[in-house]
mmCIF file of all heavy atoms, coordinates in Angstrom:
data_MODEL
# 
_entry.id   MODEL 
# 
loop_
_atom_site.group_PDB 
_atom_site.id 
_atom_site.type_symbol 
_atom_site.label_atom_id 
_atom_site.label_alt_id 
_atom_site.label_comp_id 
_atom_site.label_asym_id 
_atom_site.label_entity_id 
_atom_site.label_seq_id 
_atom_site.pdbx_PDB_ins_code 
_atom_site.Cartn_x 
_atom_site.Cartn_y 
_atom_site.Cartn_z 
_atom_site.occupancy 
_atom_site.B_iso_or_equiv 
_atom_site.pdbx_formal_charge 
_atom_site.auth_seq_id 
_atom_site.auth_comp_id 
_atom_site.auth_asym_id 
_atom_site.auth_atom_id 
_atom_site.pdbx_PDB_model_num 
ATOM 1   N N   . PRO A 1 1  ? 80.902  85.281 90.675 1.00 0.00 ? 1  PRO A N   1 
ATOM 2   C CA  . PRO A 1 1  ? 82.184  85.580 91.322 1.00 0.00 ? 1  PRO A CA  1 
ATOM 3   C C   . PRO A 1 1  ? 83.116  84.366 91.430 1.00 0.00 ? 1  PRO A C   1 
ATOM 4   O O   . PRO A 1 1  ? 84.324  84.480 91.252 1.00 0.00 ? 1  PRO A O   1 
ATOM 5   C CB  . PRO A 1 1  ? 81.786  86.084 92.710 1.00 0.00 ? 1  PRO A CB  1 
ATOM 6   C CG  . PRO A 1 1  ? 80.417  86.614 92.535 1.00 0.00 ? 1  PRO A CG  1 
ATOM 7   C CD  . PRO A 1 1  ? 79.781  85.758 91.472 1.00 0.00 ? 1  PRO A CD  1 
ATOM 8   N N   . ARG A 1 2  ? 82.548  83.195 91.703 1.00 0.00 ? 2  ARG A N   1 
ATOM 9   C CA  . ARG A 1 2  ? 83.376  81.981 91.813 1.00 0.00 ? 2  ARG A CA  1 
ATOM 10  C C   . ARG A 1 2  ? 84.012  81.649 90.464 1.00 0.00 ? 2  ARG A C   1 
ATOM 11  O O   . ARG A 1 2  ? 85.159  81.200 90.394 1.00 0.00 ? 2  ARG A O   1 
ATOM 12  C CB  . ARG A 1 2  ? 82.529  80.820 92.324 1.00 0.00 ? 2  ARG A CB  1 
ATOM 13  C CG  . ARG A 1 2  ? 83.293  79.559 92.542 1.00 0.00 ? 2  ARG A CG  1 
ATOM 14  C CD  . ARG A 1 2  ? 84.247  79.698 93.724 1.00 0.00 ? 2  ARG A CD  1 
ATOM 15  N NE  . ARG A 1 2  ? 84.926  78.432 93.911 1.00 0.00 ? 2  ARG A NE  1 
ATOM 16  C CZ  . ARG A 1 2  ? 86.157  78.305 94.362 1.00 0.00 ? 2  ARG A CZ  1 
ATOM 17  N NH1 . ARG A 1 2  ? 86.851  79.359 94.715 1.00 0.00 ? 2  ARG A NH1 1 
ATOM 18  N NH2 . ARG A 1 2  ? 86.695  77.126 94.492 1.00 0.00 ? 2  ARG A NH2 1 
ATOM 19  N N   . MET A 1 3  ? 83.280  81.863 89.373 1.00 0.00 ? 3  MET A N   1 
ATOM 20  C CA  . MET A 1 3  ? 83.826  81.625 88.033 1.00 0.00 ? 3  MET A CA  1 
ATOM 21  C C   . MET A 1 3  ? 84.942  82.615 87.738 1.00 0.00 ? 3  MET A C   1 
ATOM 22  O O   . MET A 1 3  ? 85.958  82.265 87.148 1.00 0.00 ? 3  MET A O   1 
ATOM 23  C CB  . MET A 1 3  ? 82.728  81.726 86.973 1.00 0.00 ? 3  MET A CB  1 
ATOM 24  C CG  . MET A 1 3  ? 83.202  81.410 85.577 1.00 0.00 ? 3  MET A CG  1 
ATOM 25  S SD  . MET A 1 3  ? 83.882  79.751 85.381 1.00 0.00 ? 3  MET A SD  1 
ATOM 26  C CE  . MET A 1 3  ? 82.427  78.771 85.583 1.00 0.00 ? 3  MET A CE  1 
ATOM 27  N N   . ALA A 1 4  ? 84.759  83.864 88.173 1.00 0.00 ? 4  ALA A N   1 
ATOM 28  C CA  . ALA A 1 4  ? 85.815  84.876 88.001 1.00 0.00 ? 4  ALA A CA  1 
ATOM 29  C C   . ALA A 1 4  ? 87.081  84.426 88.727 1.00 0.00 ? 4  ALA A C   1 
ATOM 30  O O   . ALA A 1 4  ? 88.184  84.512 88.173 1.00 0.00 ? 4  ALA A O   1 
ATOM 31  C CB  . ALA A 1 4  ? 85.342  86.226 88.531 1.00 0.00 ? 4  ALA A CB  1 
ATOM 32  N N   . GLN A 1 5  ? 86.910  83.922 89.937 1.00 0.00 ? 5  GLN A N   1 
ATOM 33  C CA  . GLN A 1 5  ? 88.062  83.459 90.709 1.00 0.00 ? 5  GLN A CA  1 
ATOM 34  C C   . GLN A 1 5  ? 88.744  82.275 90.031 1.00 0.00 ? 5  GLN A C   1 
ATOM 35  O O   . GLN A 1 5  ? 89.964  82.253 89.901 1.00 0.00 ? 5  GLN A O   1 
ATOM 36  C CB  . GLN A 1 5  ? 87.627  83.067 92.120 1.00 0.00 ? 5  GLN A CB  1 
ATOM 37  C CG  . GLN A 1 5  ? 88.791  82.606 92.975 1.00 0.00 ? 5  GLN A CG  1 
ATOM 38  C CD  . GLN A 1 5  ? 88.365  82.211 94.384 1.00 0.00 ? 5  GLN A CD  1 
ATOM 39  O OE1 . GLN A 1 5  ? 87.176  82.140 94.679 1.00 0.00 ? 5  GLN A OE1 1 
ATOM 40  N NE2 . GLN A 1 5  ? 89.335  81.967 95.228 1.00 0.00 ? 5  GLN A NE2 1 
ATOM 41  N N   . ARG A 1 6  ? 87.973  81.310 89.590 1.00 0.00 ? 6  ARG A N   1 
ATOM 42  C CA  . ARG A 1 6  ? 88.555  80.125 88.944 1.00 0.00 ? 6  ARG A CA  1 
ATOM 43  C C   . ARG A 1 6  ? 89.311  80.487 87.672 1.00 0.00 ? 6  ARG A C   1 
ATOM 44  O O   . ARG A 1 6  ? 90.406  79.991 87.433 1.00 0.00 ? 6  ARG A O   1 
ATOM 45  C CB  . ARG A 1 6  ? 87.458  79.105 88.630 1.00 0.00 ? 6  ARG A CB  1 
ATOM 46  C CG  . ARG A 1 6  ? 86.935  78.409 89.849 1.00 0.00 ? 6  ARG A CG  1 
ATOM 47  C CD  . ARG A 1 6  ? 85.850  77.439 89.486 1.00 0.00 ? 6  ARG A CD  1 
ATOM 48  N NE  . ARG A 1 6  ? 85.334  76.792 90.686 1.00 0.00 ? 6  ARG A NE  1 
ATOM 49  C CZ  . ARG A 1 6  ? 84.161  76.248 90.776 1.00 0.00 ? 6  ARG A CZ  1 
ATOM 50  N NH1 . ARG A 1 6  ? 83.336  76.248 89.742 1.00 0.00 ? 6  ARG A NH1 1 
ATOM 51  N NH2 . ARG A 1 6  ? 83.766  75.674 91.889 1.00 0.00 ? 6  ARG A NH2 1 
ATOM 52  N N   . ARG A 1 7  ? 88.706  81.352 86.865 1.00 0.00 ? 7  ARG A N   1 
ATOM 53  C CA  . ARG A 1 7  ? 89.373  81.738 85.609 1.00 0.00 ? 7  ARG A CA  1 
ATOM 54  C C   . ARG A 1 7  ? 90.639  82.538 85.881 1.00 0.00 ? 7  ARG A C   1 
ATOM 55  O O   . ARG A 1 7  ? 91.648  82.359 85.222 1.00 0.00 ? 7  ARG A O   1 
ATOM 56  C CB  . ARG A 1 7  ? 88.415  82.538 84.726 1.00 0.00 ? 7  ARG A CB  1 
ATOM 57  C CG  . ARG A 1 7  ? 87.348  81.673 84.118 1.00 0.00 ? 7  ARG A CG  1 
ATOM 58  C CD  . ARG A 1 7  ? 86.453  82.463 83.205 1.00 0.00 ? 7  ARG A CD  1 
ATOM 59  N NE  . ARG A 1 7  ? 85.382  81.609 82.693 1.00 0.00 ? 7  ARG A NE  1 
ATOM 60  C CZ  . ARG A 1 7  ? 84.405  82.029 81.932 1.00 0.00 ? 7  ARG A CZ  1 
ATOM 61  N NH1 . ARG A 1 7  ? 84.339  83.298 81.575 1.00 0.00 ? 7  ARG A NH1 1 
ATOM 62  N NH2 . ARG A 1 7  ? 83.480  81.200 81.519 1.00 0.00 ? 7  ARG A NH2 1 
ATOM 63  N N   . CYS A 1 8  ? 90.574  83.426 86.857 1.00 0.00 ? 8  CYS A N   1 
ATOM 64  C CA  . CYS A 1 8  ? 91.747  84.222 87.205 1.00 0.00 ? 8  CYS A CA  1 
ATOM 65  C C   . CYS A 1 8  ? 92.855  83.319 87.760 1.00 0.00 ? 8  CYS A C   1 
ATOM 66  O O   . CYS A 1 8  ? 94.013  83.430 87.350 1.00 0.00 ? 8  CYS A O   1 
ATOM 67  C CB  . CYS A 1 8  ? 91.389  85.301 88.220 1.00 0.00 ? 8  CYS A CB  1 
ATOM 68  S SG  . CYS A 1 8  ? 92.753  86.425 88.584 1.00 0.00 ? 8  CYS A SG  1 
ATOM 69  N N   . ASP A 1 9  ? 92.498  82.424 88.671 1.00 0.00 ? 9  ASP A N   1 
ATOM 70  C CA  . ASP A 1 9  ? 93.485  81.513 89.242 1.00 0.00 ? 9  ASP A CA  1 
ATOM 71  C C   . ASP A 1 9  ? 94.142  80.663 88.163 1.00 0.00 ? 9  ASP A C   1 
ATOM 72  O O   . ASP A 1 9  ? 95.359  80.469 88.171 1.00 0.00 ? 9  ASP A O   1 
ATOM 73  C CB  . ASP A 1 9  ? 92.850  80.613 90.297 1.00 0.00 ? 9  ASP A CB  1 
ATOM 74  C CG  . ASP A 1 9  ? 92.498  81.357 91.580 1.00 0.00 ? 9  ASP A CG  1 
ATOM 75  O OD1 . ASP A 1 9  ? 92.948  82.513 91.760 1.00 0.00 ? 9  ASP A OD1 1 
ATOM 76  O OD2 . ASP A 1 9  ? 91.762  80.772 92.403 1.00 0.00 ? 9  ASP A OD2 1 
ATOM 77  N N   . ALA A 1 10 ? 93.351  80.152 87.230 1.00 0.00 ? 10 ALA A N   1 
ATOM 78  C CA  . ALA A 1 10 ? 93.890  79.329 86.144 1.00 0.00 ? 10 ALA A CA  1 
ATOM 79  C C   . ALA A 1 10 ? 94.820  80.147 85.252 1.00 0.00 ? 10 ALA A C   1 
ATOM 80  O O   . ALA A 1 10 ? 95.877  79.671 84.826 1.00 0.00 ? 10 ALA A O   1 
ATOM 81  C CB  . ALA A 1 10 ? 92.757  78.724 85.317 1.00 0.00 ? 10 ALA A CB  1 
ATOM 82  N N   . THR A 1 11 ? 94.447  81.388 85.001 1.00 0.00 ? 11 THR A N   1 
ATOM 83  C CA  . THR A 1 11 ? 95.270  82.254 84.157 1.00 0.00 ? 11 THR A CA  1 
ATOM 84  C C   . THR A 1 11 ? 96.579  82.594 84.844 1.00 0.00 ? 11 THR A C   1 
ATOM 85  O O   . THR A 1 11 ? 97.647  82.522 84.230 1.00 0.00 ? 11 THR A O   1 
ATOM 86  C CB  . THR A 1 11 ? 94.498  83.535 83.784 1.00 0.00 ? 11 THR A CB  1 
ATOM 87  O OG1 . THR A 1 11 ? 93.279  83.165 83.122 1.00 0.00 ? 11 THR A OG1 1 
ATOM 88  C CG2 . THR A 1 11 ? 95.315  84.424 82.875 1.00 0.00 ? 11 THR A CG2 1 
ATOM 89  N N   . VAL A 1 12 ? 96.512  82.931 86.124 1.00 0.00 ? 12 VAL A N   1 
ATOM 90  C CA  . VAL A 1 12 ? 97.732  83.248 86.880 1.00 0.00 ? 12 VAL A CA  1 
ATOM 91  C C   . VAL A 1 12 ? 98.634  82.017 86.945 1.00 0.00 ? 12 VAL A C   1 
ATOM 92  O O   . VAL A 1 12 ? 99.855  82.124 86.779 1.00 0.00 ? 12 VAL A O   1 
ATOM 93  C CB  . VAL A 1 12 ? 97.392  83.784 88.283 1.00 0.00 ? 12 VAL A CB  1 
ATOM 94  C CG1 . VAL A 1 12 ? 98.632  83.847 89.168 1.00 0.00 ? 12 VAL A CG1 1 
ATOM 95  C CG2 . VAL A 1 12 ? 96.742  85.157 88.179 1.00 0.00 ? 12 VAL A CG2 1 
ATOM 96  N N   . HIS A 1 13 ? 98.054  80.857 87.139 1.00 0.00 ? 13 HIS A N   1 
ATOM 97  C CA  . HIS A 1 13 ? 98.838  79.616 87.171 1.00 0.00 ? 13 HIS A CA  1 
ATOM 98  C C   . HIS A 1 13 ? 99.552  79.402 85.831 1.00 0.00 ? 13 HIS A C   1 
ATOM 99  O O   . HIS A 1 13 ? 100.750 79.089 85.801 1.00 0.00 ? 13 HIS A O   1 
ATOM 100 C CB  . HIS A 1 13 ? 97.930  78.431 87.503 1.00 0.00 ? 13 HIS A CB  1 
ATOM 101 C CG  . HIS A 1 13 ? 98.642  77.123 87.529 1.00 0.00 ? 13 HIS A CG  1 
ATOM 102 N ND1 . HIS A 1 13 ? 99.495  76.762 88.551 1.00 0.00 ? 13 HIS A ND1 1 
ATOM 103 C CD2 . HIS A 1 13 ? 98.663  76.104 86.645 1.00 0.00 ? 13 HIS A CD2 1 
ATOM 104 C CE1 . HIS A 1 13 ? 99.998  75.572 88.291 1.00 0.00 ? 13 HIS A CE1 1 
ATOM 105 N NE2 . HIS A 1 13 ? 99.506  75.148 87.143 1.00 0.00 ? 13 HIS A NE2 1 
ATOM 106 N N   . ALA A 1 14 ? 98.835  79.579 84.733 1.00 0.00 ? 14 ALA A N   1 
ATOM 107 C CA  . ALA A 1 14 ? 99.436  79.420 83.408 1.00 0.00 ? 14 ALA A CA  1 
ATOM 108 C C   . ALA A 1 14 ? 100.546 80.448 83.176 1.00 0.00 ? 14 ALA A C   1 
ATOM 109 O O   . ALA A 1 14 ? 101.597 80.127 82.605 1.00 0.00 ? 14 ALA A O   1 
ATOM 110 C CB  . ALA A 1 14 ? 98.365  79.521 82.324 1.00 0.00 ? 14 ALA A CB  1 
ATOM 111 N N   . LEU A 1 15 ? 100.316 81.677 83.627 1.00 0.00 ? 15 LEU A N   1 
ATOM 112 C CA  . LEU A 1 15 ? 101.336 82.718 83.486 1.00 0.00 ? 15 LEU A CA  1 
ATOM 113 C C   . LEU A 1 15 ? 102.570 82.398 84.323 1.00 0.00 ? 15 LEU A C   1 
ATOM 114 O O   . LEU A 1 15 ? 103.704 82.612 83.875 1.00 0.00 ? 15 LEU A O   1 
ATOM 115 C CB  . LEU A 1 15 ? 100.776 84.085 83.879 1.00 0.00 ? 15 LEU A CB  1 
ATOM 116 C CG  . LEU A 1 15 ? 99.792  84.714 82.897 1.00 0.00 ? 15 LEU A CG  1 
ATOM 117 C CD1 . LEU A 1 15 ? 99.116  85.933 83.526 1.00 0.00 ? 15 LEU A CD1 1 
ATOM 118 C CD2 . LEU A 1 15 ? 100.493 85.086 81.601 1.00 0.00 ? 15 LEU A CD2 1 
ATOM 119 N N   . ARG A 1 16 ? 102.373 81.858 85.520 1.00 0.00 ? 16 ARG A N   1 
ATOM 120 C CA  . ARG A 1 16 ? 103.517 81.462 86.356 1.00 0.00 ? 16 ARG A CA  1 
ATOM 121 C C   . ARG A 1 16 ? 104.334 80.368 85.675 1.00 0.00 ? 16 ARG A C   1 
ATOM 122 O O   . ARG A 1 16 ? 105.561 80.422 85.664 1.00 0.00 ? 16 ARG A O   1 
ATOM 123 C CB  . ARG A 1 16 ? 103.029 80.957 87.715 1.00 0.00 ? 16 ARG A CB  1 
ATOM 124 C CG  . ARG A 1 16 ? 102.745 82.029 88.691 1.00 0.00 ? 16 ARG A CG  1 
ATOM 125 C CD  . ARG A 1 16 ? 102.546 81.454 90.096 1.00 0.00 ? 16 ARG A CD  1 
ATOM 126 N NE  . ARG A 1 16 ? 102.167 82.515 90.985 1.00 0.00 ? 16 ARG A NE  1 
ATOM 127 C CZ  . ARG A 1 16 ? 101.044 82.540 91.690 1.00 0.00 ? 16 ARG A CZ  1 
ATOM 128 N NH1 . ARG A 1 16 ? 100.200 81.548 91.629 1.00 0.00 ? 16 ARG A NH1 1 
ATOM 129 N NH2 . ARG A 1 16 ? 100.771 83.557 92.473 1.00 0.00 ? 16 ARG A NH2 1 
ATOM 130 N N   . GLN A 1 17 ? 103.647 79.389 85.118 1.00 0.00 ? 17 GLN A N   1 
ATOM 131 C CA  . GLN A 1 17 ? 104.354 78.308 84.437 1.00 0.00 ? 17 GLN A CA  1 
ATOM 132 C C   . GLN A 1 17 ? 105.123 78.834 83.232 1.00 0.00 ? 17 GLN A C   1 
ATOM 133 O O   . GLN A 1 17 ? 106.275 78.457 83.006 1.00 0.00 ? 17 GLN A O   1 
ATOM 134 C CB  . GLN A 1 17 ? 103.383 77.217 84.009 1.00 0.00 ? 17 GLN A CB  1 
ATOM 135 C CG  . GLN A 1 17 ? 102.846 76.412 85.169 1.00 0.00 ? 17 GLN A CG  1 
ATOM 136 C CD  . GLN A 1 17 ? 101.910 75.314 84.715 1.00 0.00 ? 17 GLN A CD  1 
ATOM 137 O OE1 . GLN A 1 17 ? 101.131 75.490 83.780 1.00 0.00 ? 17 GLN A OE1 1 
ATOM 138 N NE2 . GLN A 1 17 ? 101.988 74.173 85.379 1.00 0.00 ? 17 GLN A NE2 1 
ATOM 139 N N   . ALA A 1 18 ? 104.500 79.705 82.458 1.00 0.00 ? 18 ALA A N   1 
ATOM 140 C CA  . ALA A 1 18 ? 105.165 80.288 81.295 1.00 0.00 ? 18 ALA A CA  1 
ATOM 141 C C   . ALA A 1 18 ? 106.367 81.119 81.732 1.00 0.00 ? 18 ALA A C   1 
ATOM 142 O O   . ALA A 1 18 ? 107.420 81.093 81.080 1.00 0.00 ? 18 ALA A O   1 
ATOM 143 C CB  . ALA A 1 18 ? 104.184 81.137 80.492 1.00 0.00 ? 18 ALA A CB  1 
ATOM 144 N N   . THR A 1 19 ? 106.231 81.839 82.835 1.00 0.00 ? 19 THR A N   1 
ATOM 145 C CA  . THR A 1 19 ? 107.338 82.645 83.346 1.00 0.00 ? 19 THR A CA  1 
ATOM 146 C C   . THR A 1 19 ? 108.497 81.758 83.779 1.00 0.00 ? 19 THR A C   1 
ATOM 147 O O   . THR A 1 19 ? 109.659 82.058 83.499 1.00 0.00 ? 19 THR A O   1 
ATOM 148 C CB  . THR A 1 19 ? 106.868 83.533 84.519 1.00 0.00 ? 19 THR A CB  1 
ATOM 149 O OG1 . THR A 1 19 ? 105.800 84.367 84.064 1.00 0.00 ? 19 THR A OG1 1 
ATOM 150 C CG2 . THR A 1 19 ? 107.992 84.385 85.067 1.00 0.00 ? 19 THR A CG2 1 
ATOM 151 N N   . GLU A 1 20 ? 108.196 80.650 84.444 1.00 0.00 ? 20 GLU A N   1 
ATOM 152 C CA  . GLU A 1 20 ? 109.248 79.724 84.859 1.00 0.00 ? 20 GLU A CA  1 
ATOM 153 C C   . GLU A 1 20 ? 109.983 79.148 83.651 1.00 0.00 ? 20 GLU A C   1 
ATOM 154 O O   . GLU A 1 20 ? 111.210 79.041 83.660 1.00 0.00 ? 20 GLU A O   1 
ATOM 155 C CB  . GLU A 1 20 ? 108.660 78.607 85.715 1.00 0.00 ? 20 GLU A CB  1 
ATOM 156 C CG  . GLU A 1 20 ? 108.232 79.083 87.096 1.00 0.00 ? 20 GLU A CG  1 
ATOM 157 C CD  . GLU A 1 20 ? 107.481 78.020 87.880 1.00 0.00 ? 20 GLU A CD  1 
ATOM 158 O OE1 . GLU A 1 20 ? 107.459 76.837 87.467 1.00 0.00 ? 20 GLU A OE1 1 
ATOM 159 O OE2 . GLU A 1 20 ? 106.911 78.384 88.928 1.00 0.00 ? 20 GLU A OE2 1 
ATOM 160 N N   . ARG A 1 21 ? 109.237 78.806 82.606 1.00 0.00 ? 21 ARG A N   1 
ATOM 161 C CA  . ARG A 1 21 ? 109.878 78.292 81.387 1.00 0.00 ? 21 ARG A CA  1 
ATOM 162 C C   . ARG A 1 21 ? 110.747 79.365 80.739 1.00 0.00 ? 21 ARG A C   1 
ATOM 163 O O   . ARG A 1 21 ? 111.850 79.100 80.289 1.00 0.00 ? 21 ARG A O   1 
ATOM 164 C CB  . ARG A 1 21 ? 108.829 77.783 80.399 1.00 0.00 ? 21 ARG A CB  1 
ATOM 165 C CG  . ARG A 1 21 ? 108.168 76.485 80.824 1.00 0.00 ? 21 ARG A CG  1 
ATOM 166 C CD  . ARG A 1 21 ? 107.313 75.891 79.713 1.00 0.00 ? 21 ARG A CD  1 
ATOM 167 N NE  . ARG A 1 21 ? 106.276 76.792 79.248 1.00 0.00 ? 21 ARG A NE  1 
ATOM 168 C CZ  . ARG A 1 21 ? 105.050 76.875 79.754 1.00 0.00 ? 21 ARG A CZ  1 
ATOM 169 N NH1 . ARG A 1 21 ? 104.700 76.098 80.761 1.00 0.00 ? 21 ARG A NH1 1 
ATOM 170 N NH2 . ARG A 1 21 ? 104.172 77.717 79.245 1.00 0.00 ? 21 ARG A NH2 1 
ATOM 171 N N   . TRP A 1 22 ? 110.242 80.606 80.728 1.00 0.00 ? 22 TRP A N   1 
ATOM 172 C CA  . TRP A 1 22 ? 110.986 81.712 80.140 1.00 0.00 ? 22 TRP A CA  1 
ATOM 173 C C   . TRP A 1 22 ? 112.274 81.963 80.922 1.00 0.00 ? 22 TRP A C   1 
ATOM 174 O O   . TRP A 1 22 ? 113.340 82.140 80.341 1.00 0.00 ? 22 TRP A O   1 
ATOM 175 C CB  . TRP A 1 22 ? 110.114 82.963 80.110 1.00 0.00 ? 22 TRP A CB  1 
ATOM 176 C CG  . TRP A 1 22 ? 110.764 84.137 79.453 1.00 0.00 ? 22 TRP A CG  1 
ATOM 177 C CD1 . TRP A 1 22 ? 110.822 84.407 78.123 1.00 0.00 ? 22 TRP A CD1 1 
ATOM 178 C CD2 . TRP A 1 22 ? 111.454 85.203 80.105 1.00 0.00 ? 22 TRP A CD2 1 
ATOM 179 N NE1 . TRP A 1 22 ? 111.498 85.581 77.907 1.00 0.00 ? 22 TRP A NE1 1 
ATOM 180 C CE2 . TRP A 1 22 ? 111.896 86.088 79.115 1.00 0.00 ? 22 TRP A CE2 1 
ATOM 181 C CE3 . TRP A 1 22 ? 111.732 85.498 81.441 1.00 0.00 ? 22 TRP A CE3 1 
ATOM 182 C CZ2 . TRP A 1 22 ? 112.606 87.245 79.401 1.00 0.00 ? 22 TRP A CZ2 1 
ATOM 183 C CZ3 . TRP A 1 22 ? 112.435 86.655 81.729 1.00 0.00 ? 22 TRP A CZ3 1 
ATOM 184 C CH2 . TRP A 1 22 ? 112.859 87.507 80.710 1.00 0.00 ? 22 TRP A CH2 1 
ATOM 185 N N   . ARG A 1 23 ? 112.177 81.957 82.252 1.00 0.00 ? 23 ARG A N   1 
ATOM 186 C CA  . ARG A 1 23 ? 113.373 82.154 83.087 1.00 0.00 ? 23 ARG A CA  1 
ATOM 187 C C   . ARG A 1 23 ? 114.392 81.052 82.861 1.00 0.00 ? 23 ARG A C   1 
ATOM 188 O O   . ARG A 1 23 ? 115.590 81.321 82.781 1.00 0.00 ? 23 ARG A O   1 
ATOM 189 C CB  . ARG A 1 23 ? 112.979 82.194 84.568 1.00 0.00 ? 23 ARG A CB  1 
ATOM 190 C CG  . ARG A 1 23 ? 112.326 83.468 84.993 1.00 0.00 ? 23 ARG A CG  1 
ATOM 191 C CD  . ARG A 1 23 ? 111.939 83.401 86.458 1.00 0.00 ? 23 ARG A CD  1 
ATOM 192 N NE  . ARG A 1 23 ? 111.294 84.624 86.889 1.00 0.00 ? 23 ARG A NE  1 
ATOM 193 C CZ  . ARG A 1 23 ? 110.504 84.696 87.941 1.00 0.00 ? 23 ARG A CZ  1 
ATOM 194 N NH1 . ARG A 1 23 ? 110.259 83.618 88.664 1.00 0.00 ? 23 ARG A NH1 1 
ATOM 195 N NH2 . ARG A 1 23 ? 109.961 85.843 88.281 1.00 0.00 ? 23 ARG A NH2 1 
ATOM 196 N N   . ALA A 1 24 ? 113.917 79.816 82.787 1.00 0.00 ? 24 ALA A N   1 
ATOM 197 C CA  . ALA A 1 24 ? 114.835 78.692 82.562 1.00 0.00 ? 24 ALA A CA  1 
ATOM 198 C C   . ALA A 1 24 ? 115.539 78.836 81.220 1.00 0.00 ? 24 ALA A C   1 
ATOM 199 O O   . ALA A 1 24 ? 116.748 78.576 81.115 1.00 0.00 ? 24 ALA A O   1 
ATOM 200 C CB  . ALA A 1 24 ? 114.071 77.374 82.638 1.00 0.00 ? 24 ALA A CB  1 
ATOM 201 N N   . ALA A 1 25 ? 114.813 79.249 80.210 1.00 0.00 ? 25 ALA A N   1 
ATOM 202 C CA  . ALA A 1 25 ? 115.419 79.441 78.888 1.00 0.00 ? 25 ALA A CA  1 
ATOM 203 C C   . ALA A 1 25 ? 116.451 80.556 78.935 1.00 0.00 ? 25 ALA A C   1 
ATOM 204 O O   . ALA A 1 25 ? 117.533 80.446 78.345 1.00 0.00 ? 25 ALA A O   1 
ATOM 205 C CB  . ALA A 1 25 ? 114.344 79.742 77.848 1.00 0.00 ? 25 ALA A CB  1 
ATOM 206 N N   . ARG A 1 26 ? 116.139 81.648 79.638 1.00 0.00 ? 26 ARG A N   1 
ATOM 207 C CA  . ARG A 1 26 ? 117.086 82.767 79.772 1.00 0.00 ? 26 ARG A CA  1 
ATOM 208 C C   . ARG A 1 26 ? 118.341 82.337 80.515 1.00 0.00 ? 26 ARG A C   1 
ATOM 209 O O   . ARG A 1 26 ? 119.442 82.697 80.133 1.00 0.00 ? 26 ARG A O   1 
ATOM 210 C CB  . ARG A 1 26 ? 116.435 83.939 80.512 1.00 0.00 ? 26 ARG A CB  1 
ATOM 211 C CG  . ARG A 1 26 ? 115.315 84.631 79.793 1.00 0.00 ? 26 ARG A CG  1 
ATOM 212 C CD  . ARG A 1 26 ? 115.781 85.642 78.832 1.00 0.00 ? 26 ARG A CD  1 
ATOM 213 N NE  . ARG A 1 26 ? 116.537 86.668 79.542 1.00 0.00 ? 26 ARG A NE  1 
ATOM 214 C CZ  . ARG A 1 26 ? 117.072 87.721 78.964 1.00 0.00 ? 26 ARG A CZ  1 
ATOM 215 N NH1 . ARG A 1 26 ? 116.926 87.905 77.691 1.00 0.00 ? 26 ARG A NH1 1 
ATOM 216 N NH2 . ARG A 1 26 ? 117.764 88.589 79.662 1.00 0.00 ? 26 ARG A NH2 1 
ATOM 217 N N   . GLU A 1 27 ? 118.167 81.565 81.587 1.00 0.00 ? 27 GLU A N   1 
ATOM 218 C CA  . GLU A 1 27 ? 119.318 81.097 82.360 1.00 0.00 ? 27 GLU A CA  1 
ATOM 219 C C   . GLU A 1 27 ? 120.192 80.169 81.536 1.00 0.00 ? 27 GLU A C   1 
ATOM 220 O O   . GLU A 1 27 ? 121.410 80.191 81.659 1.00 0.00 ? 27 GLU A O   1 
ATOM 221 C CB  . GLU A 1 27 ? 118.854 80.415 83.639 1.00 0.00 ? 27 GLU A CB  1 
ATOM 222 C CG  . GLU A 1 27 ? 118.296 81.387 84.659 1.00 0.00 ? 27 GLU A CG  1 
ATOM 223 C CD  . GLU A 1 27 ? 117.694 80.720 85.874 1.00 0.00 ? 27 GLU A CD  1 
ATOM 224 O OE1 . GLU A 1 27 ? 117.888 79.480 86.046 1.00 0.00 ? 27 GLU A OE1 1 
ATOM 225 O OE2 . GLU A 1 27 ? 117.031 81.416 86.654 1.00 0.00 ? 27 GLU A OE2 1 
ATOM 226 N N   . ALA A 1 28 ? 119.568 79.370 80.686 1.00 0.00 ? 28 ALA A N   1 
ATOM 227 C CA  . ALA A 1 28 ? 120.334 78.462 79.836 1.00 0.00 ? 28 ALA A CA  1 
ATOM 228 C C   . ALA A 1 28 ? 121.149 79.237 78.803 1.00 0.00 ? 28 ALA A C   1 
ATOM 229 O O   . ALA A 1 28 ? 122.216 78.797 78.389 1.00 0.00 ? 28 ALA A O   1 
ATOM 230 C CB  . ALA A 1 28 ? 119.395 77.480 79.135 1.00 0.00 ? 28 ALA A CB  1 
ATOM 231 N N   . LEU A 1 29 ? 120.678 80.411 78.403 1.00 0.00 ? 29 LEU A N   1 
ATOM 232 C CA  . LEU A 1 29 ? 121.379 81.231 77.423 1.00 0.00 ? 29 LEU A CA  1 
ATOM 233 C C   . LEU A 1 29 ? 122.445 82.118 78.032 1.00 0.00 ? 29 LEU A C   1 
ATOM 234 O O   . LEU A 1 29 ? 123.380 82.526 77.347 1.00 0.00 ? 29 LEU A O   1 
ATOM 235 C CB  . LEU A 1 29 ? 120.391 82.112 76.651 1.00 0.00 ? 29 LEU A CB  1 
ATOM 236 C CG  . LEU A 1 29 ? 119.423 81.376 75.717 1.00 0.00 ? 29 LEU A CG  1 
ATOM 237 C CD1 . LEU A 1 29 ? 118.450 82.377 75.113 1.00 0.00 ? 29 LEU A CD1 1 
ATOM 238 C CD2 . LEU A 1 29 ? 120.179 80.641 74.633 1.00 0.00 ? 29 LEU A CD2 1 
# 
């Protein structure tokens, strides 16, 4: 279960960062 949590947290973190980059690119356009 702890590994499930760590992998999920890391994935959500990566998705948040990608979303922020995507939003910034959209705002720039």
